[in-house]
Amino acid sequence: MTGTEDRYADIEVDVLDDAGVRAAVNNALARAGCTWEELQEQAKAGSFSSEIARRAWFVVSSFEPSSVVVDSLRAEIERVRADEDFTARAGRLIERDKQLLGRLAR
């Protein structure tokens, strides 16, 4: 092979839309014989039930939300729920909006 040859020229690349990505993820999980949650637990433990499961994790982990992101979102939701000032203001706004909607409905 010379320096000017493209050694990847014979590789075909398919660009997937969201539905295609979802189908690929679901197919990988089905072949691994586990759910996303089960595969995520295996990855956290560093011990996969099979080589297929390990390879499935390699593929699907980049498409699914990471546990770090999910945990961060959960923590933020809990922080906001614990903020009494925020929840009181939100409650007042919801009540005001209900009254406005009631007036509009009449």
PDB file of N, CA and C in Angstrom:
ATOM      1  N   MET A   1       0.852  -1.168   0.000  1.00  0.00           N
ATOM      2  CA  MET A   1       0.000   0.000   0.000  1.00  0.00           C
ATOM      3  C   MET A   1       0.901   1.235   0.000  1.00  0.00           C
ATOM      4  N   THR A   2       0.601   2.144  -0.904  1.00  0.00           N
ATOM      5  CA  THR A   2       1.385   3.378  -0.956  1.00  0.00           C
ATOM      6  C   THR A   2       0.754   4.425  -0.055  1.00  0.00           C
ATOM      7  N   GLY A   3       1.468   5.512   0.167  1.00  0.00           N
ATOM      8  CA  GLY A   3       0.981   6.568   1.042  1.00  0.00           C
ATOM      9  C   GLY A   3      -0.243   7.283   0.513  1.00  0.00           C
ATOM     10  N   THR A   4      -0.527   7.154  -0.796  1.00  0.00           N
ATOM     11  CA  THR A   4      -1.660   7.875  -1.381  1.00  0.00           C
ATOM     12  C   THR A   4      -2.925   7.037  -1.449  1.00  0.00           C
ATOM     13  N   GLU A   5      -2.827   5.745  -1.184  1.00  0.00           N
ATOM     14  CA  GLU A   5      -4.000   4.879  -1.236  1.00  0.00           C
ATOM     15  C   GLU A   5      -4.847   5.053   0.021  1.00  0.00           C
ATOM     16  N   ASP A   6      -6.169   4.990  -0.183  1.00  0.00           N
ATOM     17  CA  ASP A   6      -7.093   5.070   0.954  1.00  0.00           C
ATOM     18  C   ASP A   6      -7.419   3.652   1.390  1.00  0.00           C
ATOM     19  N   ARG A   7      -6.853   3.226   2.509  1.00  0.00           N
ATOM     20  CA  ARG A   7      -7.060   1.846   2.948  1.00  0.00           C
ATOM     21  C   ARG A   7      -8.482   1.590   3.426  1.00  0.00           C
ATOM     22  N   TYR A   8      -9.291   2.633   3.566  1.00  0.00           N
ATOM     23  CA  TYR A   8     -10.677   2.477   4.001  1.00  0.00           C
ATOM     24  C   TYR A   8     -11.669   2.700   2.861  1.00  0.00           C
ATOM     25  N   ALA A   9     -11.201   2.768   1.648  1.00  0.00           N
ATOM     26  CA  ALA A   9     -12.055   3.086   0.503  1.00  0.00           C
ATOM     27  C   ALA A   9     -13.176   2.074   0.298  1.00  0.00           C
ATOM     28  N   ASP A  10     -12.983   0.829   0.680  1.00  0.00           N
ATOM     29  CA  ASP A  10     -13.997  -0.193   0.445  1.00  0.00           C
ATOM     30  C   ASP A  10     -15.015  -0.310   1.581  1.00  0.00           C
ATOM     31  N   ILE A  11     -14.909   0.529   2.599  1.00  0.00           N
ATOM     32  CA  ILE A  11     -15.840   0.477   3.729  1.00  0.00           C
ATOM     33  C   ILE A  11     -17.053   1.347   3.430  1.00  0.00           C
ATOM     34  N   GLU A  12     -18.247   0.752   3.558  1.00  0.00           N
ATOM     35  CA  GLU A  12     -19.485   1.505   3.367  1.00  0.00           C
ATOM     36  C   GLU A  12     -19.957   2.034   4.714  1.00  0.00           C
ATOM     37  N   VAL A  13     -20.424   3.267   4.714  1.00  0.00           N
ATOM     38  CA  VAL A  13     -20.912   3.897   5.935  1.00  0.00           C
ATOM     39  C   VAL A  13     -22.374   4.260   5.740  1.00  0.00           C
ATOM     40  N   ASP A  14     -23.223   3.808   6.655  1.00  0.00           N
ATOM     41  CA  ASP A  14     -24.630   4.180   6.642  1.00  0.00           C
ATOM     42  C   ASP A  14     -24.861   5.206   7.737  1.00  0.00           C
ATOM     43  N   VAL A  15     -25.512   6.301   7.384  1.00  0.00           N
ATOM     44  CA  VAL A  15     -25.868   7.315   8.366  1.00  0.00           C
ATOM     45  C   VAL A  15     -27.302   7.034   8.792  1.00  0.00           C
ATOM     46  N   LEU A  16     -27.497   6.830  10.096  1.00  0.00           N
ATOM     47  CA  LEU A  16     -28.812   6.468  10.613  1.00  0.00           C
ATOM     48  C   LEU A  16     -29.543   7.679  11.158  1.00  0.00           C
ATOM     49  N   ASP A  17     -30.861   7.684  10.969  1.00  0.00           N
ATOM     50  CA  ASP A  17     -31.681   8.689  11.633  1.00  0.00           C
ATOM     51  C   ASP A  17     -31.996   8.174  13.037  1.00  0.00           C
ATOM     52  N   ASP A  18     -32.783   8.929  13.795  1.00  0.00           N
ATOM     53  CA  ASP A  18     -33.082   8.527  15.171  1.00  0.00           C
ATOM     54  C   ASP A  18     -33.722   7.146  15.247  1.00  0.00           C
ATOM     55  N   ALA A  19     -34.630   6.869  14.317  1.00  0.00           N
ATOM     56  CA  ALA A  19     -35.289   5.558  14.316  1.00  0.00           C
ATOM     57  C   ALA A  19     -34.281   4.447  14.022  1.00  0.00           C
ATOM     58  N   GLY A  20     -33.353   4.707  13.129  1.00  0.00           N
ATOM     59  CA  GLY A  20     -32.327   3.720  12.816  1.00  0.00           C
ATOM     60  C   GLY A  20     -31.401   3.455  13.983  1.00  0.00           C
ATOM     61  N   VAL A  21     -31.036   4.525  14.695  1.00  0.00           N
ATOM     62  CA  VAL A  21     -30.192   4.368  15.887  1.00  0.00           C
ATOM     63  C   VAL A  21     -30.936   3.556  16.934  1.00  0.00           C
ATOM     64  N   ARG A  22     -32.207   3.884  17.170  1.00  0.00           N
ATOM     65  CA  ARG A  22     -33.009   3.154  18.162  1.00  0.00           C
ATOM     66  C   ARG A  22     -33.093   1.678  17.779  1.00  0.00           C
ATOM     67  N   ALA A  23     -33.309   1.390  16.497  1.00  0.00           N
ATOM     68  CA  ALA A  23     -33.383  -0.002  16.041  1.00  0.00           C
ATOM     69  C   ALA A  23     -32.049  -0.715  16.257  1.00  0.00           C
ATOM     70  N   ALA A  24     -30.943  -0.038  15.984  1.00  0.00           N
ATOM     71  CA  ALA A  24     -29.623  -0.644  16.185  1.00  0.00           C
ATOM     72  C   ALA A  24     -29.370  -0.937  17.658  1.00  0.00           C
ATOM     73  N   VAL A  25     -29.739   0.005  18.523  1.00  0.00           N
ATOM     74  CA  VAL A  25     -29.570  -0.198  19.969  1.00  0.00           C
ATOM     75  C   VAL A  25     -30.426  -1.369  20.429  1.00  0.00           C
ATOM     76  N   ASN A  26     -31.695  -1.392  20.009  1.00  0.00           N
ATOM     77  CA  ASN A  26     -32.586  -2.488  20.410  1.00  0.00           C
ATOM     78  C   ASN A  26     -32.081  -3.833  19.910  1.00  0.00           C
ATOM     79  N   ASN A  27     -31.539  -3.868  18.703  1.00  0.00           N
ATOM     80  CA  ASN A  27     -30.989  -5.105  18.151  1.00  0.00           C
ATOM     81  C   ASN A  27     -29.783  -5.571  18.965  1.00  0.00           C
ATOM     82  N   ALA A  28     -28.907  -4.636  19.323  1.00  0.00           N
ATOM     83  CA  ALA A  28     -27.729  -5.000  20.123  1.00  0.00           C
ATOM     84  C   ALA A  28     -28.145  -5.542  21.483  1.00  0.00           C
ATOM     85  N   LEU A  29     -29.140  -4.911  22.105  1.00  0.00           N
ATOM     86  CA  LEU A  29     -29.619  -5.393  23.407  1.00  0.00           C
ATOM     87  C   LEU A  29     -30.257  -6.772  23.279  1.00  0.00           C
ATOM     88  N   ALA A  30     -31.033  -6.971  22.219  1.00  0.00           N
ATOM     89  CA  ALA A  30     -31.673  -8.275  22.011  1.00  0.00           C
ATOM     90  C   ALA A  30     -30.622  -9.366  21.811  1.00  0.00           C
ATOM     91  N   ARG A  31     -29.595  -9.072  21.038  1.00  0.00           N
ATOM     92  CA  ARG A  31     -28.532 -10.061  20.813  1.00  0.00           C
ATOM     93  C   ARG A  31     -27.772 -10.361  22.090  1.00  0.00           C
ATOM     94  N   ALA A  32     -27.636  -9.339  22.948  1.00  0.00           N
ATOM     95  CA  ALA A  32     -26.945  -9.542  24.230  1.00  0.00           C
ATOM     96  C   ALA A  32     -27.844 -10.257  25.227  1.00  0.00           C
ATOM     97  N   GLY A  33     -29.142 -10.274  24.958  1.00  0.00           N
ATOM     98  CA  GLY A  33     -30.081 -10.966  25.842  1.00  0.00           C
ATOM     99  C   GLY A  33     -30.324 -10.239  27.154  1.00  0.00           C
ATOM    100  N   CYS A  34     -30.275  -8.907  27.123  1.00  0.00           N
ATOM    101  CA  CYS A  34     -30.522  -8.155  28.352  1.00  0.00           C
ATOM    102  C   CYS A  34     -31.122  -6.791  28.030  1.00  0.00           C
ATOM    103  N   THR A  35     -31.636  -6.157  29.056  1.00  0.00           N
ATOM    104  CA  THR A  35     -32.196  -4.820  28.913  1.00  0.00           C
ATOM    105  C   THR A  35     -31.084  -3.791  29.046  1.00  0.00           C
ATOM    106  N   TRP A  36     -31.416  -2.537  28.725  1.00  0.00           N
ATOM    107  CA  TRP A  36     -30.451  -1.452  28.901  1.00  0.00           C
ATOM    108  C   TRP A  36     -30.001  -1.385  30.349  1.00  0.00           C
ATOM    109  N   GLU A  37     -30.947  -1.479  31.286  1.00  0.00           N
ATOM    110  CA  GLU A  37     -30.617  -1.378  32.707  1.00  0.00           C
ATOM    111  C   GLU A  37     -29.691  -2.509  33.147  1.00  0.00           C
ATOM    112  N   GLU A  38     -29.975  -3.729  32.685  1.00  0.00           N
ATOM    113  CA  GLU A  38     -29.121  -4.870  33.037  1.00  0.00           C
ATOM    114  C   GLU A  38     -27.713  -4.698  32.467  1.00  0.00           C
ATOM    115  N   LEU A  39     -27.643  -4.238  31.232  1.00  0.00           N
ATOM    116  CA  LEU A  39     -26.335  -4.035  30.606  1.00  0.00           C
ATOM    117  C   LEU A  39     -25.572  -2.917  31.318  1.00  0.00           C
ATOM    118  N   GLN A  40     -26.278  -1.885  31.726  1.00  0.00           N
ATOM    119  CA  GLN A  40     -25.648  -0.789  32.461  1.00  0.00           C
ATOM    120  C   GLN A  40     -25.089  -1.286  33.797  1.00  0.00           C
ATOM    121  N   GLU A  41     -25.834  -2.127  34.492  1.00  0.00           N
ATOM    122  CA  GLU A  41     -25.353  -2.690  35.763  1.00  0.00           C
ATOM    123  C   GLU A  41     -24.112  -3.556  35.542  1.00  0.00           C
ATOM    124  N   GLN A  42     -24.119  -4.340  34.468  1.00  0.00           N
ATOM    125  CA  GLN A  42     -22.945  -5.161  34.165  1.00  0.00           C
ATOM    126  C   GLN A  42     -21.727  -4.270  33.905  1.00  0.00           C
ATOM    127  N   ALA A  43     -21.943  -3.159  33.203  1.00  0.00           N
ATOM    128  CA  ALA A  43     -20.836  -2.237  32.915  1.00  0.00           C
ATOM    129  C   ALA A  43     -20.325  -1.597  34.197  1.00  0.00           C
ATOM    130  N   LYS A  44     -21.233  -1.208  35.088  1.00  0.00           N
ATOM    131  CA  LYS A  44     -20.817  -0.618  36.364  1.00  0.00           C
ATOM    132  C   LYS A  44     -19.985  -1.604  37.172  1.00  0.00           C
ATOM    133  N   ALA A  45     -20.386  -2.869  37.130  1.00  0.00           N
ATOM    134  CA  ALA A  45     -19.671  -3.909  37.871  1.00  0.00           C
ATOM    135  C   ALA A  45     -18.373  -4.314  37.163  1.00  0.00           C
ATOM    136  N   GLY A  46     -18.271  -3.970  35.880  1.00  0.00           N
ATOM    137  CA  GLY A  46     -17.084  -4.354  35.116  1.00  0.00           C
ATOM    138  C   GLY A  46     -17.054  -5.827  34.778  1.00  0.00           C
ATOM    139  N   SER A  47     -18.220  -6.453  34.800  1.00  0.00           N
ATOM    140  CA  SER A  47     -18.308  -7.885  34.529  1.00  0.00           C
ATOM    141  C   SER A  47     -19.535  -8.144  33.661  1.00  0.00           C
ATOM    142  N   PHE A  48     -19.295  -8.537  32.416  1.00  0.00           N
ATOM    143  CA  PHE A  48     -20.389  -8.768  31.485  1.00  0.00           C
ATOM    144  C   PHE A  48     -20.752 -10.245  31.451  1.00  0.00           C
ATOM    145  N   SER A  49     -22.025 -10.514  31.184  1.00  0.00           N
ATOM    146  CA  SER A  49     -22.509 -11.894  31.168  1.00  0.00           C
ATOM    147  C   SER A  49     -21.972 -12.680  29.976  1.00  0.00           C
ATOM    148  N   SER A  50     -21.532 -11.977  28.942  1.00  0.00           N
ATOM    149  CA  SER A  50     -20.989 -12.649  27.762  1.00  0.00           C
ATOM    150  C   SER A  50     -20.159 -11.656  26.953  1.00  0.00           C
ATOM    151  N   GLU A  51     -19.427 -12.189  26.004  1.00  0.00           N
ATOM    152  CA  GLU A  51     -18.672 -11.328  25.094  1.00  0.00           C
ATOM    153  C   GLU A  51     -19.623 -10.492  24.249  1.00  0.00           C
ATOM    154  N   ILE A  52     -20.763 -11.066  23.893  1.00  0.00           N
ATOM    155  CA  ILE A  52     -21.759 -10.309  23.124  1.00  0.00           C
ATOM    156  C   ILE A  52     -22.271  -9.132  23.945  1.00  0.00           C
ATOM    157  N   ALA A  53     -22.499  -9.336  25.237  1.00  0.00           N
ATOM    158  CA  ALA A  53     -22.955  -8.245  26.104  1.00  0.00           C
ATOM    159  C   ALA A  53     -21.888  -7.153  26.191  1.00  0.00           C
ATOM    160  N   ARG A  54     -20.635  -7.544  26.305  1.00  0.00           N
ATOM    161  CA  ARG A  54     -19.550  -6.555  26.368  1.00  0.00           C
ATOM    162  C   ARG A  54     -19.490  -5.736  25.083  1.00  0.00           C
ATOM    163  N   ARG A  55     -19.614  -6.406  23.960  1.00  0.00           N
ATOM    164  CA  ARG A  55     -19.591  -5.700  22.676  1.00  0.00           C
ATOM    165  C   ARG A  55     -20.830  -4.817  22.514  1.00  0.00           C
ATOM    166  N   ALA A  56     -21.963  -5.307  22.980  1.00  0.00           N
ATOM    167  CA  ALA A  56     -23.189  -4.499  22.917  1.00  0.00           C
ATOM    168  C   ALA A  56     -23.013  -3.219  23.722  1.00  0.00           C
ATOM    169  N   TRP A  57     -22.396  -3.333  24.911  1.00  0.00           N
ATOM    170  CA  TRP A  57     -22.158  -2.139  25.731  1.00  0.00           C
ATOM    171  C   TRP A  57     -21.256  -1.152  24.995  1.00  0.00           C
ATOM    172  N   PHE A  58     -20.242  -1.665  24.345  1.00  0.00           N
ATOM    173  CA  PHE A  58     -19.325  -0.812  23.588  1.00  0.00           C
ATOM    174  C   PHE A  58     -20.089  -0.001  22.546  1.00  0.00           C
ATOM    175  N   VAL A  59     -21.087  -0.629  21.927  1.00  0.00           N
ATOM    176  CA  VAL A  59     -21.864   0.041  20.882  1.00  0.00           C
ATOM    177  C   VAL A  59     -22.924   0.969  21.470  1.00  0.00           C
ATOM    178  N   VAL A  60     -23.738   0.463  22.390  1.00  0.00           N
ATOM    179  CA  VAL A  60     -24.910   1.235  22.826  1.00  0.00           C
ATOM    180  C   VAL A  60     -24.603   2.295  23.868  1.00  0.00           C
ATOM    181  N   SER A  61     -23.499   2.183  24.576  1.00  0.00           N
ATOM    182  CA  SER A  61     -23.235   3.151  25.645  1.00  0.00           C
ATOM    183  C   SER A  61     -23.078   4.568  25.112  1.00  0.00           C
ATOM    184  N   SER A  62     -22.670   4.713  23.869  1.00  0.00           N
ATOM    185  CA  SER A  62     -22.527   6.060  23.312  1.00  0.00           C
ATOM    186  C   SER A  62     -23.858   6.651  22.863  1.00  0.00           C
ATOM    187  N   PHE A  63     -24.900   5.834  22.771  1.00  0.00           N
ATOM    188  CA  PHE A  63     -26.202   6.323  22.331  1.00  0.00           C
ATOM    189  C   PHE A  63     -27.182   6.547  23.471  1.00  0.00           C
ATOM    190  N   GLU A  64     -26.961   5.917  24.576  1.00  0.00           N
ATOM    191  CA  GLU A  64     -27.871   6.042  25.705  1.00  0.00           C
ATOM    192  C   GLU A  64     -27.322   7.067  26.687  1.00  0.00           C
ATOM    193  N   PRO A  65     -28.214   7.684  27.465  1.00  0.00           N
ATOM    194  CA  PRO A  65     -27.716   8.669  28.438  1.00  0.00           C
ATOM    195  C   PRO A  65     -26.818   8.000  29.464  1.00  0.00           C
ATOM    196  N   SER A  66     -25.707   8.640  29.761  1.00  0.00           N
ATOM    197  CA  SER A  66     -24.796   8.052  30.735  1.00  0.00           C
ATOM    198  C   SER A  66     -25.379   8.176  32.129  1.00  0.00           C
ATOM    199  N   SER A  67     -24.978   7.305  32.996  1.00  0.00           N
ATOM    200  CA  SER A  67     -25.468   7.344  34.371  1.00  0.00           C
ATOM    201  C   SER A  67     -25.036   8.629  35.059  1.00  0.00           C
ATOM    202  N   VAL A  68     -23.913   9.203  34.652  1.00  0.00           N
ATOM    203  CA  VAL A  68     -23.467  10.468  35.246  1.00  0.00           C
ATOM    204  C   VAL A  68     -24.466  11.573  34.933  1.00  0.00           C
ATOM    205  N   VAL A  69     -24.915  11.636  33.678  1.00  0.00           N
ATOM    206  CA  VAL A  69     -25.890  12.656  33.288  1.00  0.00           C
ATOM    207  C   VAL A  69     -27.209  12.426  34.011  1.00  0.00           C
ATOM    208  N   VAL A  70     -27.676  11.187  34.023  1.00  0.00           N
ATOM    209  CA  VAL A  70     -28.941  10.870  34.685  1.00  0.00           C
ATOM    210  C   VAL A  70     -28.855  11.183  36.170  1.00  0.00           C
ATOM    211  N   ASP A  71     -27.766  10.800  36.823  1.00  0.00           N
ATOM    212  CA  ASP A  71     -27.599  11.088  38.251  1.00  0.00           C
ATOM    213  C   ASP A  71     -27.557  12.586  38.515  1.00  0.00           C
ATOM    214  N   SER A  72     -26.911  13.344  37.638  1.00  0.00           N
ATOM    215  CA  SER A  72     -26.854  14.798  37.794  1.00  0.00           C
ATOM    216  C   SER A  72     -28.236  15.415  37.667  1.00  0.00           C
ATOM    217  N   LEU A  73     -29.011  14.931  36.700  1.00  0.00           N
ATOM    218  CA  LEU A  73     -30.374  15.439  36.540  1.00  0.00           C
ATOM    219  C   LEU A  73     -31.235  15.107  37.749  1.00  0.00           C
ATOM    220  N   ARG A  74     -31.105  13.894  38.261  1.00  0.00           N
ATOM    221  CA  ARG A  74     -31.874  13.515  39.456  1.00  0.00           C
ATOM    222  C   ARG A  74     -31.510  14.402  40.642  1.00  0.00           C
ATOM    223  N   ALA A  75     -30.229  14.672  40.820  1.00  0.00           N
ATOM    224  CA  ALA A  75     -29.786  15.521  41.927  1.00  0.00           C
ATOM    225  C   ALA A  75     -30.343  16.931  41.783  1.00  0.00           C
ATOM    226  N   GLU A  76     -30.356  17.452  40.571  1.00  0.00           N
ATOM    227  CA  GLU A  76     -30.892  18.802  40.348  1.00  0.00           C
ATOM    228  C   GLU A  76     -32.391  18.843  40.614  1.00  0.00           C
ATOM    229  N   ILE A  77     -33.109  17.813  40.195  1.00  0.00           N
ATOM    230  CA  ILE A  77     -34.550  17.748  40.463  1.00  0.00           C
ATOM    231  C   ILE A  77     -34.804  17.725  41.963  1.00  0.00           C
ATOM    232  N   GLU A  78     -34.053  16.928  42.687  1.00  0.00           N
ATOM    233  CA  GLU A  78     -34.218  16.872  44.145  1.00  0.00           C
ATOM    234  C   GLU A  78     -33.873  18.204  44.802  1.00  0.00           C
ATOM    235  N   ARG A  79     -32.839  18.879  44.288  1.00  0.00           N
ATOM    236  CA  ARG A  79     -32.463  20.184  44.838  1.00  0.00           C
ATOM    237  C   ARG A  79     -33.596  21.190  44.656  1.00  0.00           C
ATOM    238  N   VAL A  80     -34.194  21.195  43.458  1.00  0.00           N
ATOM    239  CA  VAL A  80     -35.290  22.127  43.184  1.00  0.00           C
ATOM    240  C   VAL A  80     -36.506  21.780  44.035  1.00  0.00           C
ATOM    241  N   ARG A  81     -36.807  20.495  44.163  1.00  0.00           N
ATOM    242  CA  ARG A  81     -37.954  20.091  44.993  1.00  0.00           C
ATOM    243  C   ARG A  81     -37.766  20.497  46.451  1.00  0.00           C
ATOM    244  N   ALA A  82     -36.539  20.496  46.918  1.00  0.00           N
ATOM    245  CA  ALA A  82     -36.262  20.858  48.313  1.00  0.00           C
ATOM    246  C   ALA A  82     -36.237  22.375  48.526  1.00  0.00           C
ATOM    247  N   ASP A  83     -36.221  23.145  47.452  1.00  0.00           N
ATOM    248  CA  ASP A  83     -36.186  24.611  47.541  1.00  0.00           C
ATOM    249  C   ASP A  83     -37.597  25.117  47.832  1.00  0.00           C
ATOM    250  N   GLU A  84     -37.869  25.405  49.101  1.00  0.00           N
ATOM    251  CA  GLU A  84     -39.219  25.801  49.518  1.00  0.00           C
ATOM    252  C   GLU A  84     -39.659  27.104  48.863  1.00  0.00           C
ATOM    253  N   ASP A  85     -38.747  28.054  48.698  1.00  0.00           N
ATOM    254  CA  ASP A  85     -39.093  29.322  48.054  1.00  0.00           C
ATOM    255  C   ASP A  85     -39.537  29.087  46.616  1.00  0.00           C
ATOM    256  N   PHE A  86     -38.777  28.265  45.902  1.00  0.00           N
ATOM    257  CA  PHE A  86     -39.122  27.970  44.514  1.00  0.00           C
ATOM    258  C   PHE A  86     -40.472  27.266  44.420  1.00  0.00           C
ATOM    259  N   THR A  87     -40.679  26.237  45.240  1.00  0.00           N
ATOM    260  CA  THR A  87     -41.936  25.491  45.157  1.00  0.00           C
ATOM    261  C   THR A  87     -43.120  26.358  45.564  1.00  0.00           C
ATOM    262  N   ALA A  88     -42.929  27.288  46.511  1.00  0.00           N
ATOM    263  CA  ALA A  88     -44.018  28.193  46.897  1.00  0.00           C
ATOM    264  C   ALA A  88     -44.361  29.127  45.735  1.00  0.00           C
ATOM    265  N   ARG A  89     -43.334  29.684  45.092  1.00  0.00           N
ATOM    266  CA  ARG A  89     -43.576  30.559  43.929  1.00  0.00           C
ATOM    267  C   ARG A  89     -44.256  29.783  42.813  1.00  0.00           C
ATOM    268  N   ALA A  90     -43.779  28.576  42.553  1.00  0.00           N
ATOM    269  CA  ALA A  90     -44.378  27.751  41.499  1.00  0.00           C
ATOM    270  C   ALA A  90     -45.833  27.448  41.825  1.00  0.00           C
ATOM    271  N   GLY A  91     -46.124  27.147  43.087  1.00  0.00           N
ATOM    272  CA  GLY A  91     -47.501  26.880  43.502  1.00  0.00           C
ATOM    273  C   GLY A  91     -48.396  28.084  43.278  1.00  0.00           C
ATOM    274  N   ARG A  92     -47.890  29.289  43.609  1.00  0.00           N
ATOM    275  CA  ARG A  92     -48.678  30.512  43.396  1.00  0.00           C
ATOM    276  C   ARG A  92     -48.938  30.738  41.907  1.00  0.00           C
ATOM    277  N   LEU A  93     -47.935  30.507  41.088  1.00  0.00           N
ATOM    278  CA  LEU A  93     -48.117  30.685  39.644  1.00  0.00           C
ATOM    279  C   LEU A  93     -49.105  29.673  39.072  1.00  0.00           C
ATOM    280  N   ILE A  94     -49.038  28.454  39.542  1.00  0.00           N
ATOM    281  CA  ILE A  94     -49.976  27.425  39.071  1.00  0.00           C
ATOM    282  C   ILE A  94     -51.395  27.806  39.457  1.00  0.00           C
ATOM    283  N   GLU A  95     -51.585  28.255  40.681  1.00  0.00           N
ATOM    284  CA  GLU A  95     -52.917  28.670  41.137  1.00  0.00           C
ATOM    285  C   GLU A  95     -53.419  29.842  40.301  1.00  0.00           C
ATOM    286  N   ARG A  96     -52.553  30.821  40.051  1.00  0.00           N
ATOM    287  CA  ARG A  96     -52.934  31.967  39.222  1.00  0.00           C
ATOM    288  C   ARG A  96     -53.344  31.510  37.825  1.00  0.00           C
ATOM    289  N   ASP A  97     -52.562  30.595  37.236  1.00  0.00           N
ATOM    290  CA  ASP A  97     -52.865  30.109  35.895  1.00  0.00           C
ATOM    291  C   ASP A  97     -54.180  29.340  35.863  1.00  0.00           C
ATOM    292  N   LYS A  98     -54.465  28.571  36.910  1.00  0.00           N
ATOM    293  CA  LYS A  98     -55.745  27.850  36.984  1.00  0.00           C
ATOM    294  C   LYS A  98     -56.904  28.839  36.988  1.00  0.00           C
ATOM    295  N   GLN A  99     -56.753  29.920  37.750  1.00  0.00           N
ATOM    296  CA  GLN A  99     -57.809  30.931  37.799  1.00  0.00           C
ATOM    297  C   GLN A  99     -57.992  31.593  36.438  1.00  0.00           C
ATOM    298  N   LEU A 100     -56.899  31.912  35.775  1.00  0.00           N
ATOM    299  CA  LEU A 100     -56.984  32.516  34.442  1.00  0.00           C
ATOM    300  C   LEU A 100     -57.652  31.571  33.446  1.00  0.00           C
ATOM    301  N   LEU A 101     -57.290  30.312  33.496  1.00  0.00           N
ATOM    302  CA  LEU A 101     -57.908  29.328  32.601  1.00  0.00           C
ATOM    303  C   LEU A 101     -59.392  29.172  32.900  1.00  0.00           C
ATOM    304  N   GLY A 102     -59.746  29.223  34.187  1.00  0.00           N
ATOM    305  CA  GLY A 102     -61.157  29.155  34.565  1.00  0.00           C
ATOM    306  C   GLY A 102     -61.941  30.321  33.999  1.00  0.00           C
ATOM    307  N   ARG A 103     -61.367  31.515  34.062  1.00  0.00           N
ATOM    308  CA  ARG A 103     -62.041  32.696  33.499  1.00  0.00           C
ATOM    309  C   ARG A 103     -62.179  32.576  31.986  1.00  0.00           C
ATOM    310  N   LEU A 104     -61.141  32.083  31.340  1.00  0.00           N
ATOM    311  CA  LEU A 104     -61.205  31.926  29.886  1.00  0.00           C
ATOM    312  C   LEU A 104     -62.235  30.879  29.473  1.00  0.00           C
ATOM    313  N   ALA A 105     -62.433  29.882  30.292  1.00  0.00           N
ATOM    314  CA  ALA A 105     -63.374  28.805  29.968  1.00  0.00           C
ATOM    315  C   ALA A 105     -64.824  29.275  30.053  1.00  0.00           C
ATOM    316  N   ARG A 106     -65.081  30.332  30.833  1.00  0.00           N
ATOM    317  CA  ARG A 106     -66.469  30.825  30.990  1.00  0.00           C
ATOM    318  C   ARG A 106     -66.935  31.574  29.818  1.00  0.00           C
TER     319      ARG A 106
END
